[in-house]
Amino acid sequence: MRALLYLDVDGVLLPFGPRALSPADPANPLLGRLNPADGPALLALSCRLVWATTWLAEANDVIAPRLGLPTLPVLDPPAASRPPLHGLHCKTAPITAHAAGRPFIWLDDEITETDRWWIENQHPGRALPHRVDPRTGLTPADFAAVHSWLRA
């Protein structure tokens, strides 16, 4: 069973620190911070990629084509009527529920120890909640950590 890989955009694919790797887009200059090498590197992981981002389906329209990614499924946002537990990221419970016991990786810049604790106690399968430094976005070290987890 291939692992699921839940992928955030802001802070992960679009770092908050300066990085000019792609041509600037007048409609959204931040898109110049995308690293075109991230798409092939993500596809090489042989995981089932799922958007877990506030960009929602717009990630398929704006981000995926620039990285050479296919249209990906989008994690449904959490129900507004259910606020997250204190200190728990709003994506943690939906990701855990969506994974439904399957192995998963979650790449996000806002993962905390509370999220790790929740996943460890609520998810019966293997999981790698991996925090990406939002200043740099994905780096070779992040990909190495994912590769290592996948080989284990």
C-alpha atoms as a PDB file:
ATOM      1  CA  MET A   1       0.000   0.000   0.000  1.00  0.00           C
ATOM      2  CA  ARG A   2       1.494   3.318  -1.071  1.00  0.00           C
ATOM      3  CA  ALA A   3       1.679   5.975   1.596  1.00  0.00           C
ATOM      4  CA  LEU A   4      -0.475   9.062   1.311  1.00  0.00           C
ATOM      5  CA  LEU A   5       1.384  12.363   1.258  1.00  0.00           C
ATOM      6  CA  TYR A   6      -0.586  15.389   2.456  1.00  0.00           C
ATOM      7  CA  LEU A   7       0.945  18.527   0.995  1.00  0.00           C
ATOM      8  CA  ASP A   8       0.604  22.097   2.176  1.00  0.00           C
ATOM      9  CA  VAL A   9       1.441  25.044  -0.095  1.00  0.00           C
ATOM     10  CA  ASP A  10       2.219  28.197   1.909  1.00  0.00           C
ATOM     11  CA  GLY A  11       5.502  27.793   3.756  1.00  0.00           C
ATOM     12  CA  VAL A  12       6.171  24.420   2.093  1.00  0.00           C
ATOM     13  CA  LEU A  13       6.073  24.925  -1.684  1.00  0.00           C
ATOM     14  CA  LEU A  14       5.883  28.714  -1.364  1.00  0.00           C
ATOM     15  CA  PRO A  15       8.411  29.657   1.322  1.00  0.00           C
ATOM     16  CA  PHE A  16       8.056  32.921   3.181  1.00  0.00           C
ATOM     17  CA  GLY A  17      11.762  33.679   2.790  1.00  0.00           C
ATOM     18  CA  PRO A  18      13.186  35.062  -0.433  1.00  0.00           C
ATOM     19  CA  ARG A  19      13.655  32.556  -3.227  1.00  0.00           C
ATOM     20  CA  ALA A  20      13.353  33.297  -6.930  1.00  0.00           C
ATOM     21  CA  LEU A  21      13.372  30.046  -8.853  1.00  0.00           C
ATOM     22  CA  SER A  22      10.459  30.406 -11.260  1.00  0.00           C
ATOM     23  CA  PRO A  23       9.398  33.249 -13.524  1.00  0.00           C
ATOM     24  CA  ALA A  24       7.395  35.844 -11.606  1.00  0.00           C
ATOM     25  CA  ASP A  25       3.665  35.946 -12.194  1.00  0.00           C
ATOM     26  CA  PRO A  26       2.240  39.494 -12.263  1.00  0.00           C
ATOM     27  CA  ALA A  27      -1.030  38.217 -10.750  1.00  0.00           C
ATOM     28  CA  ASN A  28       0.829  36.599  -7.840  1.00  0.00           C
ATOM     29  CA  PRO A  29       4.533  37.487  -7.548  1.00  0.00           C
ATOM     30  CA  LEU A  30       4.978  34.917  -4.772  1.00  0.00           C
ATOM     31  CA  LEU A  31       4.629  32.141  -7.364  1.00  0.00           C
ATOM     32  CA  GLY A  32       8.207  32.934  -8.404  1.00  0.00           C
ATOM     33  CA  ARG A  33       9.220  31.232  -5.147  1.00  0.00           C
ATOM     34  CA  LEU A  34       8.048  27.846  -6.422  1.00  0.00           C
ATOM     35  CA  ASN A  35      10.902  25.451  -7.057  1.00  0.00           C
ATOM     36  CA  PRO A  36      10.160  23.625 -10.337  1.00  0.00           C
ATOM     37  CA  ALA A  37      12.304  20.706  -9.074  1.00  0.00           C
ATOM     38  CA  ASP A  38       9.817  20.058  -6.238  1.00  0.00           C
ATOM     39  CA  GLY A  39       7.220  18.547  -8.585  1.00  0.00           C
ATOM     40  CA  PRO A  40       9.447  15.783 -10.003  1.00  0.00           C
ATOM     41  CA  ALA A  41      10.915  15.171  -6.534  1.00  0.00           C
ATOM     42  CA  LEU A  42       7.418  14.724  -5.059  1.00  0.00           C
ATOM     43  CA  LEU A  43       6.358  12.416  -7.880  1.00  0.00           C
ATOM     44  CA  ALA A  44       9.520  10.342  -7.390  1.00  0.00           C
ATOM     45  CA  LEU A  45       8.401   9.546  -3.836  1.00  0.00           C
ATOM     46  CA  SER A  46       5.780   7.144  -5.250  1.00  0.00           C
ATOM     47  CA  CYS A  47       3.224   8.334  -2.721  1.00  0.00           C
ATOM     48  CA  ARG A  48      -0.405   9.204  -3.339  1.00  0.00           C
ATOM     49  CA  LEU A  49      -0.271  13.008  -3.197  1.00  0.00           C
ATOM     50  CA  VAL A  50      -3.179  14.916  -1.626  1.00  0.00           C
ATOM     51  CA  TRP A  51      -3.465  18.677  -1.252  1.00  0.00           C
ATOM     52  CA  ALA A  52      -3.876  19.702   2.400  1.00  0.00           C
ATOM     53  CA  THR A  53      -3.885  23.448   1.972  1.00  0.00           C
ATOM     54  CA  THR A  54      -6.089  26.490   2.326  1.00  0.00           C
ATOM     55  CA  TRP A  55      -5.599  26.870  -1.426  1.00  0.00           C
ATOM     56  CA  LEU A  56      -8.068  23.960  -1.759  1.00  0.00           C
ATOM     57  CA  ALA A  57      -8.840  23.132  -5.425  1.00  0.00           C
ATOM     58  CA  GLU A  58      -7.043  26.295  -6.572  1.00  0.00           C
ATOM     59  CA  ALA A  59      -3.795  24.408  -5.863  1.00  0.00           C
ATOM     60  CA  ASN A  60      -4.639  22.213  -8.862  1.00  0.00           C
ATOM     61  CA  ASP A  61      -5.244  25.261 -11.069  1.00  0.00           C
ATOM     62  CA  VAL A  62      -2.297  27.414  -9.996  1.00  0.00           C
ATOM     63  CA  ILE A  63       0.394  25.332  -8.267  1.00  0.00           C
ATOM     64  CA  ALA A  64       0.215  21.873  -9.882  1.00  0.00           C
ATOM     65  CA  PRO A  65       0.818  23.015 -13.501  1.00  0.00           C
ATOM     66  CA  ARG A  66       3.849  25.074 -12.468  1.00  0.00           C
ATOM     67  CA  LEU A  67       5.387  22.037 -10.765  1.00  0.00           C
ATOM     68  CA  GLY A  68       4.396  19.445 -13.364  1.00  0.00           C
ATOM     69  CA  LEU A  69       2.017  17.732 -10.967  1.00  0.00           C
ATOM     70  CA  PRO A  70      -1.214  16.079 -12.095  1.00  0.00           C
ATOM     71  CA  THR A  71      -4.563  17.109 -10.674  1.00  0.00           C
ATOM     72  CA  LEU A  72      -4.504  15.904  -7.082  1.00  0.00           C
ATOM     73  CA  PRO A  73      -7.305  15.122  -4.647  1.00  0.00           C
ATOM     74  CA  VAL A  74      -7.974  17.894  -2.144  1.00  0.00           C
ATOM     75  CA  LEU A  75      -8.508  17.262   1.546  1.00  0.00           C
ATOM     76  CA  ASP A  76     -11.877  18.646   2.562  1.00  0.00           C
ATOM     77  CA  PRO A  77     -11.543  21.561   4.969  1.00  0.00           C
ATOM     78  CA  PRO A  78     -12.593  20.885   8.546  1.00  0.00           C
ATOM     79  CA  ALA A  79     -16.216  21.523   9.395  1.00  0.00           C
ATOM     80  CA  ALA A  80     -16.656  25.069  10.642  1.00  0.00           C
ATOM     81  CA  SER A  81     -19.005  23.815  13.331  1.00  0.00           C
ATOM     82  CA  ARG A  82     -16.207  21.752  14.915  1.00  0.00           C
ATOM     83  CA  PRO A  83     -13.412  23.958  16.220  1.00  0.00           C
ATOM     84  CA  PRO A  84     -10.100  22.130  16.650  1.00  0.00           C
ATOM     85  CA  LEU A  85      -8.944  21.073  20.081  1.00  0.00           C
ATOM     86  CA  HIS A  86      -6.766  23.586  21.880  1.00  0.00           C
ATOM     87  CA  GLY A  87      -3.360  23.634  20.235  1.00  0.00           C
ATOM     88  CA  LEU A  88      -4.296  21.132  17.520  1.00  0.00           C
ATOM     89  CA  HIS A  89      -3.870  22.282  13.927  1.00  0.00           C
ATOM     90  CA  CYS A  90      -7.172  22.432  12.053  1.00  0.00           C
ATOM     91  CA  LYS A  91      -5.837  19.900   9.494  1.00  0.00           C
ATOM     92  CA  THR A  92      -4.671  17.248  11.972  1.00  0.00           C
ATOM     93  CA  ALA A  93      -7.957  15.498  12.714  1.00  0.00           C
ATOM     94  CA  PRO A  94      -9.183  15.626   9.070  1.00  0.00           C
ATOM     95  CA  ILE A  95      -5.876  14.200   7.817  1.00  0.00           C
ATOM     96  CA  THR A  96      -5.961  11.433  10.411  1.00  0.00           C
ATOM     97  CA  ALA A  97      -9.578  10.618   9.532  1.00  0.00           C
ATOM     98  CA  HIS A  98      -8.900  10.695   5.783  1.00  0.00           C
ATOM     99  CA  ALA A  99      -5.868   8.412   6.128  1.00  0.00           C
ATOM    100  CA  ALA A 100      -8.089   5.891   7.920  1.00  0.00           C
ATOM    101  CA  GLY A 101      -5.196   3.820   9.223  1.00  0.00           C
ATOM    102  CA  ARG A 102      -3.144   3.959   5.998  1.00  0.00           C
ATOM    103  CA  PRO A 103       0.485   5.094   6.236  1.00  0.00           C
ATOM    104  CA  PHE A 104       0.874   8.815   5.617  1.00  0.00           C
ATOM    105  CA  ILE A 105       3.289  11.698   5.447  1.00  0.00           C
ATOM    106  CA  TRP A 106       2.173  15.238   6.181  1.00  0.00           C
ATOM    107  CA  LEU A 107       4.381  18.098   4.967  1.00  0.00           C
ATOM    108  CA  ASP A 108       3.396  21.374   6.608  1.00  0.00           C
ATOM    109  CA  ASP A 109       5.106  24.345   8.209  1.00  0.00           C
ATOM    110  CA  GLU A 110       2.738  24.507  11.198  1.00  0.00           C
ATOM    111  CA  ILE A 111       3.021  21.006  12.695  1.00  0.00           C
ATOM    112  CA  THR A 112       3.525  21.035  16.462  1.00  0.00           C
ATOM    113  CA  GLU A 113       4.143  18.488  19.206  1.00  0.00           C
ATOM    114  CA  THR A 114       0.389  18.562  19.896  1.00  0.00           C
ATOM    115  CA  ASP A 115      -0.280  17.422  16.331  1.00  0.00           C
ATOM    116  CA  ARG A 116       2.329  14.683  16.632  1.00  0.00           C
ATOM    117  CA  TRP A 117       0.789  13.511  19.904  1.00  0.00           C
ATOM    118  CA  TRP A 118      -2.700  13.438  18.360  1.00  0.00           C
ATOM    119  CA  ILE A 119      -1.544  11.437  15.352  1.00  0.00           C
ATOM    120  CA  GLU A 120       0.387   8.996  17.513  1.00  0.00           C
ATOM    121  CA  ASN A 121      -2.686   8.405  19.700  1.00  0.00           C
ATOM    122  CA  GLN A 122      -5.433   8.538  17.066  1.00  0.00           C
ATOM    123  CA  HIS A 123      -3.852   6.933  14.014  1.00  0.00           C
ATOM    124  CA  PRO A 124      -3.164   3.184  14.098  1.00  0.00           C
ATOM    125  CA  GLY A 125      -0.876   3.222  11.039  1.00  0.00           C
ATOM    126  CA  ARG A 126       2.571   4.633  10.402  1.00  0.00           C
ATOM    127  CA  ALA A 127       2.750   8.393  10.054  1.00  0.00           C
ATOM    128  CA  LEU A 128       5.364  11.050   9.464  1.00  0.00           C
ATOM    129  CA  PRO A 129       4.140  14.526  10.388  1.00  0.00           C
ATOM    130  CA  HIS A 130       7.122  16.469   9.033  1.00  0.00           C
ATOM    131  CA  ARG A 131       7.482  20.174   9.752  1.00  0.00           C
ATOM    132  CA  VAL A 132       9.052  22.169   6.898  1.00  0.00           C
ATOM    133  CA  ASP A 133      10.855  25.402   7.724  1.00  0.00           C
ATOM    134  CA  PRO A 134       8.588  28.123   6.275  1.00  0.00           C
ATOM    135  CA  ARG A 135      11.543  30.407   5.569  1.00  0.00           C
ATOM    136  CA  THR A 136      13.091  27.949   3.120  1.00  0.00           C
ATOM    137  CA  GLY A 137      10.265  25.684   1.982  1.00  0.00           C
ATOM    138  CA  LEU A 138      11.101  22.126   0.959  1.00  0.00           C
ATOM    139  CA  THR A 139      14.810  21.367   0.939  1.00  0.00           C
ATOM    140  CA  PRO A 140      16.887  18.310   0.067  1.00  0.00           C
ATOM    141  CA  ALA A 141      16.993  17.541   3.812  1.00  0.00           C
ATOM    142  CA  ASP A 142      13.165  17.365   3.900  1.00  0.00           C
ATOM    143  CA  PHE A 143      13.127  14.989   0.932  1.00  0.00           C
ATOM    144  CA  ALA A 144      15.861  12.898   2.595  1.00  0.00           C
ATOM    145  CA  ALA A 145      13.743  12.587   5.756  1.00  0.00           C
ATOM    146  CA  VAL A 146      10.753  11.426   3.700  1.00  0.00           C
ATOM    147  CA  HIS A 147      12.864   8.946   1.709  1.00  0.00           C
ATOM    148  CA  SER A 148      14.297   7.558   4.944  1.00  0.00           C
ATOM    149  CA  TRP A 149      10.823   7.114   6.446  1.00  0.00           C
ATOM    150  CA  LEU A 150       9.547   5.417   3.302  1.00  0.00           C
ATOM    151  CA  ARG A 151      12.461   2.952   3.324  1.00  0.00           C
ATOM    152  CA  ALA A 152      11.960   2.070   7.013  1.00  0.00           C
END
